[in-house]
Amino acid sequence: MINEINTNYAKHIITIEDPIEYVHEHKMSIVEQKEI
């Protein structure tokens, strides 16, 4: 789902994960990944 939004829309995506399982590269969106 994140990849679909990242590829098709100019959005700001923030994920909160424990731990970060997959690093998303910026495409059309900015992806911020936070580890708790």
C-alpha atoms as a PDB file:
ATOM      1  CA  MET A   1       0.000   0.000   0.000  1.00  0.00           C
ATOM      2  CA  ILE A   2       2.809   2.431   0.861  1.00  0.00           C
ATOM      3  CA  ASN A   3       4.570   1.654  -2.407  1.00  0.00           C
ATOM      4  CA  GLU A   4       1.345   2.268  -4.375  1.00  0.00           C
ATOM      5  CA  ILE A   5       0.858   5.711  -2.784  1.00  0.00           C
ATOM      6  CA  ASN A   6       4.570   6.502  -3.116  1.00  0.00           C
ATOM      7  CA  THR A   7       4.553   5.645  -6.830  1.00  0.00           C
ATOM      8  CA  ASN A   8       1.334   7.424  -7.824  1.00  0.00           C
ATOM      9  CA  TYR A   9       0.804  10.411  -5.512  1.00  0.00           C
ATOM     10  CA  ALA A  10       2.831  13.374  -4.228  1.00  0.00           C
ATOM     11  CA  LYS A  11       2.233  12.871  -0.494  1.00  0.00           C
ATOM     12  CA  HIS A  12       4.160  12.887   2.786  1.00  0.00           C
ATOM     13  CA  ILE A  13       4.083   9.367   4.236  1.00  0.00           C
ATOM     14  CA  ILE A  14       5.170   8.676   7.817  1.00  0.00           C
ATOM     15  CA  THR A  15       5.534   5.117   9.092  1.00  0.00           C
ATOM     16  CA  ILE A  16       6.126   4.078  12.710  1.00  0.00           C
ATOM     17  CA  GLU A  17       7.652   0.618  12.961  1.00  0.00           C
ATOM     18  CA  ASP A  18       9.392  -1.645  15.465  1.00  0.00           C
ATOM     19  CA  PRO A  19      11.804  -2.460  13.871  1.00  0.00           C
ATOM     20  CA  ILE A  20      11.858  -0.980  10.354  1.00  0.00           C
ATOM     21  CA  GLU A  21      11.400  -4.017   8.113  1.00  0.00           C
ATOM     22  CA  TYR A  22      11.611  -2.452   4.658  1.00  0.00           C
ATOM     23  CA  VAL A  23      13.263   0.814   3.620  1.00  0.00           C
ATOM     24  CA  HIS A  24      11.089   2.763   1.165  1.00  0.00           C
ATOM     25  CA  GLU A  25      12.849   4.976  -1.374  1.00  0.00           C
ATOM     26  CA  HIS A  26      11.377   8.361  -2.304  1.00  0.00           C
ATOM     27  CA  LYS A  27       9.497   8.280  -5.593  1.00  0.00           C
ATOM     28  CA  MET A  28       6.648  10.789  -5.990  1.00  0.00           C
ATOM     29  CA  SER A  29       6.129  10.965  -2.225  1.00  0.00           C
ATOM     30  CA  ILE A  30       8.397  11.757   0.695  1.00  0.00           C
ATOM     31  CA  VAL A  31       8.645   8.739   2.997  1.00  0.00           C
ATOM     32  CA  GLU A  32       9.715   9.195   6.630  1.00  0.00           C
ATOM     33  CA  GLN A  33      10.269   6.018   8.606  1.00  0.00           C
ATOM     34  CA  LYS A  34      10.496   6.155  12.386  1.00  0.00           C
ATOM     35  CA  GLU A  35      11.623   3.254  14.540  1.00  0.00           C
ATOM     36  CA  ILE A  36      10.262   2.958  18.073  1.00  0.00           C
END
